[in-house]
Amino acid sequence: MSRTNDKTLKEALEQMLKAYRIKNKYDETYAVSAWEEVVGKAVANRTKEIYIRDKKLFVRIESSVIKNQLVIMRDQIIGSLNEKAGAVVVQEIVFI
């Protein structure tokens, strides 16, 4: 017999993230962890630093050739990361 206040684990976790106001940080962390999956292992291995601040993704790449290719693919990368996170967590990418 099912109770009226039963929730799935996913619903309970989402409710907890919202209650503690950490949903945005969780989504940002998920987007950063999806970096390798989005850009590939070769690029991820050359990524020295990656973090999100104010919906801007800051990425330090050691190779100028790869950096130029990523600049060209910027919109595609932003779309993929936001899709993986399930929310708009990145609006701009800054290569440093």
PDB file of N, CA and C in Angstrom:
ATOM      1  N   MET A   1       0.840  -1.164   0.000  1.00  0.00           N
ATOM      2  CA  MET A   1       0.000   0.000   0.000  1.00  0.00           C
ATOM      3  C   MET A   1       0.898   1.244   0.000  1.00  0.00           C
ATOM      4  N   SER A   2       0.607   2.166  -0.851  1.00  0.00           N
ATOM      5  CA  SER A   2       1.408   3.376  -1.014  1.00  0.00           C
ATOM      6  C   SER A   2       0.827   4.517  -0.188  1.00  0.00           C
ATOM      7  N   ARG A   3       1.699   5.286   0.419  1.00  0.00           N
ATOM      8  CA  ARG A   3       1.265   6.448   1.189  1.00  0.00           C
ATOM      9  C   ARG A   3       1.228   7.667   0.279  1.00  0.00           C
ATOM     10  N   THR A   4       0.479   8.670   0.689  1.00  0.00           N
ATOM     11  CA  THR A   4       0.347   9.856  -0.146  1.00  0.00           C
ATOM     12  C   THR A   4       1.595  10.727  -0.130  1.00  0.00           C
ATOM     13  N   ASN A   5       2.430  10.626   0.889  1.00  0.00           N
ATOM     14  CA  ASN A   5       3.624  11.462   0.954  1.00  0.00           C
ATOM     15  C   ASN A   5       4.894  10.718   0.539  1.00  0.00           C
ATOM     16  N   ASP A   6       4.769   9.567  -0.090  1.00  0.00           N
ATOM     17  CA  ASP A   6       5.925   8.827  -0.569  1.00  0.00           C
ATOM     18  C   ASP A   6       6.567   9.574  -1.731  1.00  0.00           C
ATOM     19  N   LYS A   7       7.896   9.591  -1.739  1.00  0.00           N
ATOM     20  CA  LYS A   7       8.647  10.246  -2.796  1.00  0.00           C
ATOM     21  C   LYS A   7       9.727   9.310  -3.293  1.00  0.00           C
ATOM     22  N   THR A   8      10.101   9.509  -4.538  1.00  0.00           N
ATOM     23  CA  THR A   8      11.231   8.755  -5.047  1.00  0.00           C
ATOM     24  C   THR A   8      12.502   9.354  -4.456  1.00  0.00           C
ATOM     25  N   LEU A   9      13.578   8.619  -4.550  1.00  0.00           N
ATOM     26  CA  LEU A   9      14.855   9.101  -4.036  1.00  0.00           C
ATOM     27  C   LEU A   9      15.287  10.367  -4.774  1.00  0.00           C
ATOM     28  N   LYS A  10      15.057  10.410  -6.072  1.00  0.00           N
ATOM     29  CA  LYS A  10      15.408  11.582  -6.872  1.00  0.00           C
ATOM     30  C   LYS A  10      14.644  12.823  -6.397  1.00  0.00           C
ATOM     31  N   GLU A  11      13.361  12.674  -6.170  1.00  0.00           N
ATOM     32  CA  GLU A  11      12.546  13.794  -5.698  1.00  0.00           C
ATOM     33  C   GLU A  11      13.008  14.268  -4.324  1.00  0.00           C
ATOM     34  N   ALA A  12      13.337  13.326  -3.454  1.00  0.00           N
ATOM     35  CA  ALA A  12      13.785  13.679  -2.111  1.00  0.00           C
ATOM     36  C   ALA A  12      15.124  14.419  -2.156  1.00  0.00           C
ATOM     37  N   LEU A  13      16.048  13.964  -3.008  1.00  0.00           N
ATOM     38  CA  LEU A  13      17.340  14.643  -3.130  1.00  0.00           C
ATOM     39  C   LEU A  13      17.182  16.047  -3.700  1.00  0.00           C
ATOM     40  N   GLU A  14      16.342  16.198  -4.716  1.00  0.00           N
ATOM     41  CA  GLU A  14      16.113  17.526  -5.295  1.00  0.00           C
ATOM     42  C   GLU A  14      15.488  18.470  -4.269  1.00  0.00           C
ATOM     43  N   GLN A  15      14.567  17.962  -3.482  1.00  0.00           N
ATOM     44  CA  GLN A  15      13.937  18.772  -2.447  1.00  0.00           C
ATOM     45  C   GLN A  15      14.975  19.190  -1.392  1.00  0.00           C
ATOM     46  N   MET A  16      15.867  18.271  -1.029  1.00  0.00           N
ATOM     47  CA  MET A  16      16.903  18.579  -0.055  1.00  0.00           C
ATOM     48  C   MET A  16      17.872  19.633  -0.599  1.00  0.00           C
ATOM     49  N   LEU A  17      18.283  19.496  -1.866  1.00  0.00           N
ATOM     50  CA  LEU A  17      19.195  20.464  -2.475  1.00  0.00           C
ATOM     51  C   LEU A  17      18.581  21.858  -2.513  1.00  0.00           C
ATOM     52  N   LYS A  18      17.294  21.928  -2.801  1.00  0.00           N
ATOM     53  CA  LYS A  18      16.609  23.220  -2.822  1.00  0.00           C
ATOM     54  C   LYS A  18      16.463  23.780  -1.407  1.00  0.00           C
ATOM     55  N   ALA A  19      16.158  22.930  -0.449  1.00  0.00           N
ATOM     56  CA  ALA A  19      15.958  23.377   0.931  1.00  0.00           C
ATOM     57  C   ALA A  19      17.245  23.967   1.512  1.00  0.00           C
ATOM     58  N   TYR A  20      18.381  23.350   1.205  1.00  0.00           N
ATOM     59  CA  TYR A  20      19.663  23.845   1.703  1.00  0.00           C
ATOM     60  C   TYR A  20      20.304  24.874   0.772  1.00  0.00           C
ATOM     61  N   ARG A  21      19.619  25.203  -0.299  1.00  0.00           N
ATOM     62  CA  ARG A  21      20.067  26.199  -1.284  1.00  0.00           C
ATOM     63  C   ARG A  21      21.440  25.875  -1.864  1.00  0.00           C
ATOM     64  N   ILE A  22      21.642  24.615  -2.206  1.00  0.00           N
ATOM     65  CA  ILE A  22      22.908  24.196  -2.811  1.00  0.00           C
ATOM     66  C   ILE A  22      22.708  23.573  -4.191  1.00  0.00           C
ATOM     67  N   LYS A  23      21.511  23.698  -4.742  1.00  0.00           N
ATOM     68  CA  LYS A  23      21.225  23.113  -6.052  1.00  0.00           C
ATOM     69  C   LYS A  23      22.127  23.705  -7.126  1.00  0.00           C
ATOM     70  N   ASN A  24      22.314  25.033  -7.138  1.00  0.00           N
ATOM     71  CA  ASN A  24      23.167  25.657  -8.146  1.00  0.00           C
ATOM     72  C   ASN A  24      24.601  25.157  -8.059  1.00  0.00           C
ATOM     73  N   LYS A  25      25.124  25.061  -6.863  1.00  0.00           N
ATOM     74  CA  LYS A  25      26.495  24.585  -6.682  1.00  0.00           C
ATOM     75  C   LYS A  25      26.630  23.132  -7.121  1.00  0.00           C
ATOM     76  N   TYR A  26      25.609  22.332  -6.831  1.00  0.00           N
ATOM     77  CA  TYR A  26      25.591  20.937  -7.259  1.00  0.00           C
ATOM     78  C   TYR A  26      25.613  20.855  -8.782  1.00  0.00           C
ATOM     79  N   ASP A  27      24.780  21.667  -9.452  1.00  0.00           N
ATOM     80  CA  ASP A  27      24.726  21.668 -10.916  1.00  0.00           C
ATOM     81  C   ASP A  27      26.060  22.130 -11.509  1.00  0.00           C
ATOM     82  N   GLU A  28      26.686  23.135 -10.910  1.00  0.00           N
ATOM     83  CA  GLU A  28      27.980  23.614 -11.372  1.00  0.00           C
ATOM     84  C   GLU A  28      29.041  22.523 -11.248  1.00  0.00           C
ATOM     85  N   THR A  29      29.046  21.846 -10.133  1.00  0.00           N
ATOM     86  CA  THR A  29      30.012  20.769  -9.914  1.00  0.00           C
ATOM     87  C   THR A  29      29.811  19.646 -10.920  1.00  0.00           C
ATOM     88  N   TYR A  30      28.567  19.346 -11.217  1.00  0.00           N
ATOM     89  CA  TYR A  30      28.277  18.296 -12.193  1.00  0.00           C
ATOM     90  C   TYR A  30      28.763  18.709 -13.580  1.00  0.00           C
ATOM     91  N   ALA A  31      28.568  19.979 -13.952  1.00  0.00           N
ATOM     92  CA  ALA A  31      29.021  20.468 -15.255  1.00  0.00           C
ATOM     93  C   ALA A  31      30.545  20.387 -15.365  1.00  0.00           C
ATOM     94  N   VAL A  32      31.252  20.763 -14.300  1.00  0.00           N
ATOM     95  CA  VAL A  32      32.716  20.699 -14.302  1.00  0.00           C
ATOM     96  C   VAL A  32      33.183  19.244 -14.426  1.00  0.00           C
ATOM     97  N   SER A  33      32.515  18.341 -13.740  1.00  0.00           N
ATOM     98  CA  SER A  33      32.907  16.931 -13.812  1.00  0.00           C
ATOM     99  C   SER A  33      32.595  16.318 -15.179  1.00  0.00           C
ATOM    100  N   ALA A  34      31.696  16.921 -15.944  1.00  0.00           N
ATOM    101  CA  ALA A  34      31.350  16.426 -17.279  1.00  0.00           C
ATOM    102  C   ALA A  34      32.292  16.970 -18.354  1.00  0.00           C
ATOM    103  N   TRP A  35      33.260  17.804 -17.983  1.00  0.00           N
ATOM    104  CA  TRP A  35      34.179  18.429 -18.935  1.00  0.00           C
ATOM    105  C   TRP A  35      34.869  17.394 -19.823  1.00  0.00           C
ATOM    106  N   GLU A  36      35.430  16.347 -19.226  1.00  0.00           N
ATOM    107  CA  GLU A  36      36.136  15.324 -20.002  1.00  0.00           C
ATOM    108  C   GLU A  36      35.209  14.635 -20.993  1.00  0.00           C
ATOM    109  N   GLU A  37      34.001  14.350 -20.565  1.00  0.00           N
ATOM    110  CA  GLU A  37      33.039  13.678 -21.439  1.00  0.00           C
ATOM    111  C   GLU A  37      32.648  14.566 -22.626  1.00  0.00           C
ATOM    112  N   VAL A  38      32.578  15.869 -22.402  1.00  0.00           N
ATOM    113  CA  VAL A  38      32.149  16.805 -23.452  1.00  0.00           C
ATOM    114  C   VAL A  38      33.274  17.089 -24.446  1.00  0.00           C
ATOM    115  N   VAL A  39      34.491  17.339 -23.953  1.00  0.00           N
ATOM    116  CA  VAL A  39      35.583  17.744 -24.842  1.00  0.00           C
ATOM    117  C   VAL A  39      36.516  16.607 -25.229  1.00  0.00           C
ATOM    118  N   GLY A  40      36.461  15.508 -24.536  1.00  0.00           N
ATOM    119  CA  GLY A  40      37.323  14.371 -24.853  1.00  0.00           C
ATOM    120  C   GLY A  40      38.505  14.276 -23.913  1.00  0.00           C
ATOM    121  N   LYS A  41      39.080  13.090 -23.872  1.00  0.00           N
ATOM    122  CA  LYS A  41      40.161  12.808 -22.927  1.00  0.00           C
ATOM    123  C   LYS A  41      41.438  13.572 -23.260  1.00  0.00           C
ATOM    124  N   ALA A  42      41.759  13.730 -24.535  1.00  0.00           N
ATOM    125  CA  ALA A  42      42.994  14.417 -24.935  1.00  0.00           C
ATOM    126  C   ALA A  42      42.979  15.874 -24.472  1.00  0.00           C
ATOM    127  N   VAL A  43      41.851  16.549 -24.652  1.00  0.00           N
ATOM    128  CA  VAL A  43      41.735  17.948 -24.221  1.00  0.00           C
ATOM    129  C   VAL A  43      41.694  18.024 -22.697  1.00  0.00           C
ATOM    130  N   ALA A  44      40.968  17.121 -22.074  1.00  0.00           N
ATOM    131  CA  ALA A  44      40.851  17.121 -20.614  1.00  0.00           C
ATOM    132  C   ALA A  44      42.216  16.904 -19.948  1.00  0.00           C
ATOM    133  N   ASN A  45      43.072  16.106 -20.565  1.00  0.00           N
ATOM    134  CA  ASN A  45      44.407  15.880 -20.008  1.00  0.00           C
ATOM    135  C   ASN A  45      45.273  17.135 -20.061  1.00  0.00           C
ATOM    136  N   ARG A  46      44.987  18.024 -20.997  1.00  0.00           N
ATOM    137  CA  ARG A  46      45.743  19.270 -21.123  1.00  0.00           C
ATOM    138  C   ARG A  46      45.089  20.439 -20.390  1.00  0.00           C
ATOM    139  N   THR A  47      43.978  20.160 -19.729  1.00  0.00           N
ATOM    140  CA  THR A  47      43.287  21.179 -18.941  1.00  0.00           C
ATOM    141  C   THR A  47      43.935  21.225 -17.560  1.00  0.00           C
ATOM    142  N   LYS A  48      44.449  22.388 -17.206  1.00  0.00           N
ATOM    143  CA  LYS A  48      45.144  22.525 -15.925  1.00  0.00           C
ATOM    144  C   LYS A  48      44.220  22.961 -14.801  1.00  0.00           C
ATOM    145  N   GLU A  49      43.227  23.776 -15.123  1.00  0.00           N
ATOM    146  CA  GLU A  49      42.334  24.304 -14.090  1.00  0.00           C
ATOM    147  C   GLU A  49      40.984  24.571 -14.722  1.00  0.00           C
ATOM    148  N   ILE A  50      39.909  24.282 -13.983  1.00  0.00           N
ATOM    149  CA  ILE A  50      38.555  24.528 -14.483  1.00  0.00           C
ATOM    150  C   ILE A  50      37.641  24.797 -13.289  1.00  0.00           C
ATOM    151  N   TYR A  51      36.908  25.898 -13.391  1.00  0.00           N
ATOM    152  CA  TYR A  51      35.952  26.244 -12.337  1.00  0.00           C
ATOM    153  C   TYR A  51      34.900  27.190 -12.899  1.00  0.00           C
ATOM    154  N   ILE A  52      33.780  27.307 -12.177  1.00  0.00           N
ATOM    155  CA  ILE A  52      32.680  28.172 -12.581  1.00  0.00           C
ATOM    156  C   ILE A  52      32.489  29.250 -11.522  1.00  0.00           C
ATOM    157  N   ARG A  53      32.351  30.492 -11.999  1.00  0.00           N
ATOM    158  CA  ARG A  53      32.051  31.612 -11.112  1.00  0.00           C
ATOM    159  C   ARG A  53      31.111  32.555 -11.862  1.00  0.00           C
ATOM    160  N   ASP A  54      29.971  32.854 -11.278  1.00  0.00           N
ATOM    161  CA  ASP A  54      28.982  33.758 -11.869  1.00  0.00           C
ATOM    162  C   ASP A  54      28.577  33.341 -13.283  1.00  0.00           C
ATOM    163  N   LYS A  55      28.306  32.064 -13.458  1.00  0.00           N
ATOM    164  CA  LYS A  55      27.870  31.475 -14.731  1.00  0.00           C
ATOM    165  C   LYS A  55      28.910  31.592 -15.840  1.00  0.00           C
ATOM    166  N   LYS A  56      30.163  31.833 -15.458  1.00  0.00           N
ATOM    167  CA  LYS A  56      31.279  31.841 -16.403  1.00  0.00           C
ATOM    168  C   LYS A  56      32.171  30.660 -16.082  1.00  0.00           C
ATOM    169  N   LEU A  57      32.487  29.893 -17.105  1.00  0.00           N
ATOM    170  CA  LEU A  57      33.388  28.758 -16.950  1.00  0.00           C
ATOM    171  C   LEU A  57      34.800  29.230 -17.274  1.00  0.00           C
ATOM    172  N   PHE A  58      35.696  29.128 -16.300  1.00  0.00           N
ATOM    173  CA  PHE A  58      37.089  29.516 -16.492  1.00  0.00           C
ATOM    174  C   PHE A  58      37.904  28.247 -16.706  1.00  0.00           C
ATOM    175  N   VAL A  59      38.650  28.215 -17.815  1.00  0.00           N
ATOM    176  CA  VAL A  59      39.411  27.029 -18.177  1.00  0.00           C
ATOM    177  C   VAL A  59      40.841  27.440 -18.513  1.00  0.00           C
ATOM    178  N   ARG A  60      41.805  26.787 -17.865  1.00  0.00           N
ATOM    179  CA  ARG A  60      43.216  27.019 -18.177  1.00  0.00           C
ATOM    180  C   ARG A  60      43.710  25.827 -18.995  1.00  0.00           C
ATOM    181  N   ILE A  61      44.120  26.124 -20.234  1.00  0.00           N
ATOM    182  CA  ILE A  61      44.613  25.109 -21.164  1.00  0.00           C
ATOM    183  C   ILE A  61      46.075  25.412 -21.458  1.00  0.00           C
ATOM    184  N   GLU A  62      46.911  24.389 -21.462  1.00  0.00           N
ATOM    185  CA  GLU A  62      48.339  24.617 -21.691  1.00  0.00           C
ATOM    186  C   GLU A  62      48.696  24.719 -23.174  1.00  0.00           C
ATOM    187  N   SER A  63      47.847  24.253 -24.066  1.00  0.00           N
ATOM    188  CA  SER A  63      48.140  24.255 -25.496  1.00  0.00           C
ATOM    189  C   SER A  63      47.355  25.356 -26.206  1.00  0.00           C
ATOM    190  N   SER A  64      48.072  26.251 -26.896  1.00  0.00           N
ATOM    191  CA  SER A  64      47.393  27.337 -27.610  1.00  0.00           C
ATOM    192  C   SER A  64      46.603  26.816 -28.802  1.00  0.00           C
ATOM    193  N   VAL A  65      47.039  25.738 -29.402  1.00  0.00           N
ATOM    194  CA  VAL A  65      46.315  25.151 -30.536  1.00  0.00           C
ATOM    195  C   VAL A  65      44.959  24.616 -30.071  1.00  0.00           C
ATOM    196  N   ILE A  66      44.959  23.899 -28.973  1.00  0.00           N
ATOM    197  CA  ILE A  66      43.703  23.368 -28.425  1.00  0.00           C
ATOM    198  C   ILE A  66      42.814  24.509 -27.962  1.00  0.00           C
ATOM    199  N   LYS A  67      43.405  25.525 -27.368  1.00  0.00           N
ATOM    200  CA  LYS A  67      42.634  26.682 -26.904  1.00  0.00           C
ATOM    201  C   LYS A  67      41.901  27.341 -28.074  1.00  0.00           C
ATOM    202  N   ASN A  68      42.578  27.494 -29.210  1.00  0.00           N
ATOM    203  CA  ASN A  68      41.944  28.087 -30.393  1.00  0.00           C
ATOM    204  C   ASN A  68      40.794  27.227 -30.901  1.00  0.00           C
ATOM    205  N   GLN A  69      40.961  25.922 -30.904  1.00  0.00           N
ATOM    206  CA  GLN A  69      39.888  25.023 -31.335  1.00  0.00           C
ATOM    207  C   GLN A  69      38.683  25.113 -30.401  1.00  0.00           C
ATOM    208  N   LEU A  70      38.943  25.222 -29.104  1.00  0.00           N
ATOM    209  CA  LEU A  70      37.855  25.329 -28.131  1.00  0.00           C
ATOM    210  C   LEU A  70      37.116  26.657 -28.259  1.00  0.00           C
ATOM    211  N   VAL A  71      37.829  27.713 -28.622  1.00  0.00           N
ATOM    212  CA  VAL A  71      37.176  29.007 -28.833  1.00  0.00           C
ATOM    213  C   VAL A  71      36.174  28.886 -29.982  1.00  0.00           C
ATOM    214  N   ILE A  72      36.555  28.178 -31.026  1.00  0.00           N
ATOM    215  CA  ILE A  72      35.665  27.976 -32.173  1.00  0.00           C
ATOM    216  C   ILE A  72      34.431  27.166 -31.772  1.00  0.00           C
ATOM    217  N   MET A  73      34.613  26.197 -30.882  1.00  0.00           N
ATOM    218  CA  MET A  73      33.520  25.303 -30.470  1.00  0.00           C
ATOM    219  C   MET A  73      32.804  25.786 -29.213  1.00  0.00           C
ATOM    220  N   ARG A  74      33.030  27.006 -28.800  1.00  0.00           N
ATOM    221  CA  ARG A  74      32.539  27.554 -27.532  1.00  0.00           C
ATOM    222  C   ARG A  74      31.038  27.323 -27.321  1.00  0.00           C
ATOM    223  N   ASP A  75      30.202  27.712 -28.291  1.00  0.00           N
ATOM    224  CA  ASP A  75      28.750  27.579 -28.123  1.00  0.00           C
ATOM    225  C   ASP A  75      28.312  26.123 -27.991  1.00  0.00           C
ATOM    226  N   GLN A  76      28.948  25.266 -28.751  1.00  0.00           N
ATOM    227  CA  GLN A  76      28.644  23.835 -28.690  1.00  0.00           C
ATOM    228  C   GLN A  76      28.995  23.259 -27.314  1.00  0.00           C
ATOM    229  N   ILE A  77      30.126  23.669 -26.761  1.00  0.00           N
ATOM    230  CA  ILE A  77      30.554  23.195 -25.441  1.00  0.00           C
ATOM    231  C   ILE A  77      29.601  23.689 -24.358  1.00  0.00           C
ATOM    232  N   ILE A  78      29.213  24.955 -24.438  1.00  0.00           N
ATOM    233  CA  ILE A  78      28.282  25.518 -23.453  1.00  0.00           C
ATOM    234  C   ILE A  78      26.966  24.744 -23.473  1.00  0.00           C
ATOM    235  N   GLY A  79      26.441  24.481 -24.665  1.00  0.00           N
ATOM    236  CA  GLY A  79      25.194  23.729 -24.789  1.00  0.00           C
ATOM    237  C   GLY A  79      25.303  22.334 -24.208  1.00  0.00           C
ATOM    238  N   SER A  80      26.402  21.655 -24.485  1.00  0.00           N
ATOM    239  CA  SER A  80      26.593  20.294 -23.976  1.00  0.00           C
ATOM    240  C   SER A  80      26.713  20.262 -22.461  1.00  0.00           C
ATOM    241  N   LEU A  81      27.466  21.200 -21.897  1.00  0.00           N
ATOM    242  CA  LEU A  81      27.624  21.230 -20.436  1.00  0.00           C
ATOM    243  C   LEU A  81      26.307  21.537 -19.737  1.00  0.00           C
ATOM    244  N   ASN A  82      25.549  22.484 -20.270  1.00  0.00           N
ATOM    245  CA  ASN A  82      24.251  22.811 -19.679  1.00  0.00           C
ATOM    246  C   ASN A  82      23.277  21.645 -19.799  1.00  0.00           C
ATOM    247  N   GLU A  83      23.345  20.942 -20.919  1.00  0.00           N
ATOM    248  CA  GLU A  83      22.474  19.776 -21.096  1.00  0.00           C
ATOM    249  C   GLU A  83      22.820  18.678 -20.086  1.00  0.00           C
ATOM    250  N   LYS A  84      24.122  18.446 -19.885  1.00  0.00           N
ATOM    251  CA  LYS A  84      24.555  17.436 -18.908  1.00  0.00           C
ATOM    252  C   LYS A  84      24.117  17.813 -17.495  1.00  0.00           C
ATOM    253  N   ALA A  85      24.219  19.098 -17.162  1.00  0.00           N
ATOM    254  CA  ALA A  85      23.871  19.555 -15.808  1.00  0.00           C
ATOM    255  C   ALA A  85      22.360  19.622 -15.611  1.00  0.00           C
ATOM    256  N   GLY A  86      21.609  19.730 -16.696  1.00  0.00           N
ATOM    257  CA  GLY A  86      20.156  19.816 -16.577  1.00  0.00           C
ATOM    258  C   GLY A  86      19.670  21.203 -16.208  1.00  0.00           C
ATOM    259  N   ALA A  87      20.543  22.195 -16.321  1.00  0.00           N
ATOM    260  CA  ALA A  87      20.197  23.581 -15.996  1.00  0.00           C
ATOM    261  C   ALA A  87      21.200  24.489 -16.693  1.00  0.00           C
ATOM    262  N   VAL A  88      20.884  25.760 -16.769  1.00  0.00           N
ATOM    263  CA  VAL A  88      21.816  26.719 -17.365  1.00  0.00           C
ATOM    264  C   VAL A  88      22.797  27.151 -16.287  1.00  0.00           C
ATOM    265  N   VAL A  89      23.972  26.527 -16.291  1.00  0.00           N
ATOM    266  CA  VAL A  89      24.992  26.849 -15.305  1.00  0.00           C
ATOM    267  C   VAL A  89      26.169  27.582 -15.937  1.00  0.00           C
ATOM    268  N   VAL A  90      26.291  27.511 -17.271  1.00  0.00           N
ATOM    269  CA  VAL A  90      27.377  28.178 -17.984  1.00  0.00           C
ATOM    270  C   VAL A  90      26.783  29.027 -19.084  1.00  0.00           C
ATOM    271  N   GLN A  91      27.107  30.316 -19.068  1.00  0.00           N
ATOM    272  CA  GLN A  91      26.670  31.206 -20.141  1.00  0.00           C
ATOM    273  C   GLN A  91      27.830  31.699 -20.974  1.00  0.00           C
ATOM    274  N   GLU A  92      29.033  31.574 -20.449  1.00  0.00           N
ATOM    275  CA  GLU A  92      30.215  32.073 -21.136  1.00  0.00           C
ATOM    276  C   GLU A  92      31.421  31.235 -20.718  1.00  0.00           C
ATOM    277  N   ILE A  93      32.362  31.076 -21.645  1.00  0.00           N
ATOM    278  CA  ILE A  93      33.611  30.367 -21.327  1.00  0.00           C
ATOM    279  C   ILE A  93      34.762  31.350 -21.483  1.00  0.00           C
ATOM    280  N   VAL A  94      35.618  31.398 -20.477  1.00  0.00           N
ATOM    281  CA  VAL A  94      36.806  32.248 -20.500  1.00  0.00           C
ATOM    282  C   VAL A  94      38.026  31.336 -20.462  1.00  0.00           C
ATOM    283  N   PHE A  95      38.861  31.437 -21.492  1.00  0.00           N
ATOM    284  CA  PHE A  95      40.085  30.635 -21.537  1.00  0.00           C
ATOM    285  C   PHE A  95      41.237  31.481 -20.998  1.00  0.00           C
ATOM    286  N   ILE A  96      41.901  30.955 -19.991  1.00  0.00           N
ATOM    287  CA  ILE A  96      43.000  31.696 -19.339  1.00  0.00           C
ATOM    288  C   ILE A  96      44.302  30.954 -19.485  1.00  0.00           C
TER     289      ILE A  96
END
